[in-house]
Each structure stands twice: as structure tokens, then as C-alpha cells.
Amino acid sequence: MVSGVLFFVVIQKQDDKNKFIGTWVLTTDNEYQITFYNDGRFVGAYAKQWGTWDIKDGKLVLNITDNTSSNYPNQEYTAIFDYSFRNNHQILTISVIAGNTFYGSMTFTKVNSTQ
């Protein structure tokens, strides 16, 4: 029974990861994009944030190098988000639950799914 549950968790994690892969545009700012690559990398915030991403315990985990502030170049931190998809996985909402970040809640629309 335990192996069946573990198999389901692994399959669910991979299925969720596949939903993220591609480029997403923030619904309130069409210039802000984030791209999730299938090798675990991401680039976002006008190409001034980058790092790695994964799904852990049902949460989106971003290990971020942030170069958006000239006062704090290449700041590194981890942010953890709750997430949900809707509209056939074309709308993504993430809400920060932990990390050194100001994000709060953000909603994105998928614009490209081949990464």
C-alpha cells in the first residue's frame, strides 16, 4: 500500500511540474514574465531574477538570485508558494507562504508552453 501511495505522489508531482513549464505573463503587468524550464531552471522579473524551481510537498519552491535592485545585486533567497491552476491550466495563481519576498499573491496567464 505504501508503494502505491508513493507512486501516486511522484506522478502527481511530475504532472504539476509539467503544468508550470513555459512562459507566463503577470495579468497586471504584461511586461513581467516568468519562464519555467523543464530542467528545473527559471528566469523572471525582466530577466533580472533567475534560479531553480521545484514542487516540494505540494508547494512551488523557487531558489532565487535577484538582481532587480542596484542596492542589493545578486541577492539570493528561497521563496515558497501555494499555487493553483484554472482555465485548463492556462491561469496560474501563486501566493507566497515563506521566504524573503514581497510578492504576496500574483496571477499569471500562460503565453508559451514549449520550454
C-alpha atoms as a PDB file:
ATOM      1  CA  MET A   1       0.000   0.000   0.000  1.00  0.00           C
ATOM      2  CA  VAL A   2       2.808   2.444   0.846  1.00  0.00           C
ATOM      3  CA  SER A   3       4.464   1.903  -2.541  1.00  0.00           C
ATOM      4  CA  GLY A   4       1.133   2.685  -4.267  1.00  0.00           C
ATOM      5  CA  VAL A   5       0.815   5.973  -2.350  1.00  0.00           C
ATOM      6  CA  LEU A   6       4.436   6.896  -3.097  1.00  0.00           C
ATOM      7  CA  PHE A   7       3.898   6.167  -6.800  1.00  0.00           C
ATOM      8  CA  PHE A   8       0.840   8.464  -6.815  1.00  0.00           C
ATOM      9  CA  VAL A   9       2.813  11.278  -5.120  1.00  0.00           C
ATOM     10  CA  VAL A  10       5.650  11.006  -7.665  1.00  0.00           C
ATOM     11  CA  ILE A  11       3.203  11.008 -10.604  1.00  0.00           C
ATOM     12  CA  GLN A  12       1.249  13.963  -9.147  1.00  0.00           C
ATOM     13  CA  LYS A  13       4.464  15.975  -8.633  1.00  0.00           C
ATOM     14  CA  GLN A  14       5.561  15.376 -12.235  1.00  0.00           C
ATOM     15  CA  ASP A  15       2.098  16.244 -13.553  1.00  0.00           C
ATOM     16  CA  ASP A  16       2.128  19.536 -11.624  1.00  0.00           C
ATOM     17  CA  LYS A  17       5.671  20.308 -12.814  1.00  0.00           C
ATOM     18  CA  ASN A  18       4.586  19.821 -16.428  1.00  0.00           C
ATOM     19  CA  LYS A  19       1.799  22.380 -15.935  1.00  0.00           C
ATOM     20  CA  PHE A  20       4.351  25.052 -14.969  1.00  0.00           C
ATOM     21  CA  ILE A  21       6.697  24.572 -17.927  1.00  0.00           C
ATOM     22  CA  GLY A  22       6.512  27.520 -20.296  1.00  0.00           C
ATOM     23  CA  THR A  23       6.302  31.300 -20.191  1.00  0.00           C
ATOM     24  CA  TRP A  24       3.767  33.116 -18.024  1.00  0.00           C
ATOM     25  CA  VAL A  25       2.800  36.811 -18.074  1.00  0.00           C
ATOM     26  CA  LEU A  26       1.607  38.641 -14.986  1.00  0.00           C
ATOM     27  CA  THR A  27      -2.022  39.659 -15.549  1.00  0.00           C
ATOM     28  CA  THR A  28      -1.457  43.138 -14.071  1.00  0.00           C
ATOM     29  CA  ASP A  29       1.806  43.862 -15.951  1.00  0.00           C
ATOM     30  CA  ASN A  30       2.284  42.395 -19.444  1.00  0.00           C
ATOM     31  CA  GLU A  31       5.991  43.248 -19.302  1.00  0.00           C
ATOM     32  CA  TYR A  32       6.595  40.943 -16.317  1.00  0.00           C
ATOM     33  CA  GLN A  33       7.202  37.372 -17.420  1.00  0.00           C
ATOM     34  CA  ILE A  34       8.496  34.245 -15.780  1.00  0.00           C
ATOM     35  CA  THR A  35       9.637  31.189 -17.722  1.00  0.00           C
ATOM     36  CA  PHE A  36       9.857  27.759 -16.127  1.00  0.00           C
ATOM     37  CA  TYR A  37      12.140  25.319 -17.963  1.00  0.00           C
ATOM     38  CA  ASN A  38      11.779  21.536 -17.809  1.00  0.00           C
ATOM     39  CA  ASP A  39      15.343  21.167 -16.465  1.00  0.00           C
ATOM     40  CA  GLY A  40      14.405  22.986 -13.224  1.00  0.00           C
ATOM     41  CA  ARG A  41      15.634  26.476 -14.145  1.00  0.00           C
ATOM     42  CA  PHE A  42      13.546  29.650 -14.308  1.00  0.00           C
ATOM     43  CA  VAL A  43      14.057  33.243 -15.457  1.00  0.00           C
ATOM     44  CA  GLY A  44      11.776  36.081 -14.442  1.00  0.00           C
ATOM     45  CA  ALA A  45      11.343  39.736 -13.477  1.00  0.00           C
ATOM     46  CA  TYR A  46      12.539  41.278 -16.741  1.00  0.00           C
ATOM     47  CA  ALA A  47      15.369  38.672 -16.827  1.00  0.00           C
ATOM     48  CA  LYS A  48      16.738  40.090 -13.564  1.00  0.00           C
ATOM     49  CA  GLN A  49      15.739  37.080 -11.474  1.00  0.00           C
ATOM     50  CA  TRP A  50      16.798  33.523 -12.140  1.00  0.00           C
ATOM     51  CA  GLY A  51      17.433  30.274 -10.345  1.00  0.00           C
ATOM     52  CA  THR A  52      15.922  26.861  -9.854  1.00  0.00           C
ATOM     53  CA  TRP A  53      12.396  25.668  -9.145  1.00  0.00           C
ATOM     54  CA  ASP A  54      10.716  22.516  -7.930  1.00  0.00           C
ATOM     55  CA  ILE A  55       7.480  21.212  -6.440  1.00  0.00           C
ATOM     56  CA  LYS A  56       8.006  20.032  -2.848  1.00  0.00           C
ATOM     57  CA  ASP A  57       5.224  18.890  -0.539  1.00  0.00           C
ATOM     58  CA  GLY A  58       2.658  20.417  -2.899  1.00  0.00           C
ATOM     59  CA  LYS A  59       4.350  23.847  -2.871  1.00  0.00           C
ATOM     60  CA  LEU A  60       6.259  25.769  -5.540  1.00  0.00           C
ATOM     61  CA  VAL A  61       9.815  26.362  -4.297  1.00  0.00           C
ATOM     62  CA  LEU A  62      11.978  28.986  -6.020  1.00  0.00           C
ATOM     63  CA  ASN A  63      15.687  29.313  -5.238  1.00  0.00           C
ATOM     64  CA  ILE A  64      16.198  32.848  -6.499  1.00  0.00           C
ATOM     65  CA  THR A  65      19.121  35.020  -7.478  1.00  0.00           C
ATOM     66  CA  ASP A  66      17.640  38.524  -7.612  1.00  0.00           C
ATOM     67  CA  ASN A  67      19.320  41.352  -9.469  1.00  0.00           C
ATOM     68  CA  THR A  68      16.323  43.735  -9.583  1.00  0.00           C
ATOM     69  CA  SER A  69      17.775  46.158  -7.021  1.00  0.00           C
ATOM     70  CA  SER A  70      21.002  48.032  -7.687  1.00  0.00           C
ATOM     71  CA  ASN A  71      21.348  48.436  -3.911  1.00  0.00           C
ATOM     72  CA  TYR A  72      21.380  44.654  -3.368  1.00  0.00           C
ATOM     73  CA  PRO A  73      22.749  42.988  -6.525  1.00  0.00           C
ATOM     74  CA  ASN A  74      22.601  39.217  -6.825  1.00  0.00           C
ATOM     75  CA  GLN A  75      20.664  38.726  -3.601  1.00  0.00           C
ATOM     76  CA  GLU A  76      19.932  35.021  -3.058  1.00  0.00           C
ATOM     77  CA  TYR A  77      16.918  33.618  -1.223  1.00  0.00           C
ATOM     78  CA  THR A  78      14.294  30.896  -1.319  1.00  0.00           C
ATOM     79  CA  ALA A  79      10.584  31.631  -1.681  1.00  0.00           C
ATOM     80  CA  ILE A  80       7.797  29.082  -1.169  1.00  0.00           C
ATOM     81  CA  PHE A  81       4.376  29.490  -2.748  1.00  0.00           C
ATOM     82  CA  ASP A  82       0.963  27.883  -2.666  1.00  0.00           C
ATOM     83  CA  TYR A  83      -0.305  27.582  -6.220  1.00  0.00           C
ATOM     84  CA  SER A  84      -3.432  26.817  -8.159  1.00  0.00           C
ATOM     85  CA  PHE A  85      -4.286  26.411 -11.826  1.00  0.00           C
ATOM     86  CA  ARG A  86      -7.547  27.137 -13.588  1.00  0.00           C
ATOM     87  CA  ASN A  87      -8.908  27.555 -17.103  1.00  0.00           C
ATOM     88  CA  ASN A  88      -7.377  24.287 -18.331  1.00  0.00           C
ATOM     89  CA  HIS A  89      -4.003  25.110 -16.678  1.00  0.00           C
ATOM     90  CA  GLN A  90      -3.680  28.418 -18.580  1.00  0.00           C
ATOM     91  CA  ILE A  91      -4.121  30.637 -15.494  1.00  0.00           C
ATOM     92  CA  LEU A  92      -1.732  30.295 -12.548  1.00  0.00           C
ATOM     93  CA  THR A  93      -2.099  31.977  -9.170  1.00  0.00           C
ATOM     94  CA  ILE A  94       0.765  31.828  -6.678  1.00  0.00           C
ATOM     95  CA  SER A  95       0.712  33.098  -3.100  1.00  0.00           C
ATOM     96  CA  VAL A  96       3.860  33.439  -1.011  1.00  0.00           C
ATOM     97  CA  ILE A  97       3.853  31.473   2.220  1.00  0.00           C
ATOM     98  CA  ALA A  98       7.552  31.700   3.162  1.00  0.00           C
ATOM     99  CA  GLY A  99      10.699  33.474   2.092  1.00  0.00           C
ATOM    100  CA  ASN A 100      12.371  36.816   1.874  1.00  0.00           C
ATOM    101  CA  THR A 101       9.987  38.249  -0.683  1.00  0.00           C
ATOM    102  CA  PHE A 102       7.384  40.930  -1.234  1.00  0.00           C
ATOM    103  CA  TYR A 103       5.325  39.051  -3.811  1.00  0.00           C
ATOM    104  CA  GLY A 104       2.095  38.359  -1.922  1.00  0.00           C
ATOM    105  CA  SER A 105      -0.326  36.855  -4.441  1.00  0.00           C
ATOM    106  CA  MET A 106       0.117  37.039  -8.219  1.00  0.00           C
ATOM    107  CA  THR A 107      -1.873  35.709 -11.176  1.00  0.00           C
ATOM    108  CA  PHE A 108      -0.279  34.778 -14.497  1.00  0.00           C
ATOM    109  CA  THR A 109      -1.539  33.764 -17.931  1.00  0.00           C
ATOM    110  CA  LYS A 110       0.411  31.163 -19.934  1.00  0.00           C
ATOM    111  CA  VAL A 111       1.671  32.508 -23.257  1.00  0.00           C
ATOM    112  CA  ASN A 112       4.016  29.704 -24.320  1.00  0.00           C
ATOM    113  CA  SER A 113       4.115  26.093 -23.206  1.00  0.00           C
ATOM    114  CA  THR A 114       7.164  24.760 -25.050  1.00  0.00           C
ATOM    115  CA  GLN A 115      10.294  25.156 -22.958  1.00  0.00           C
END
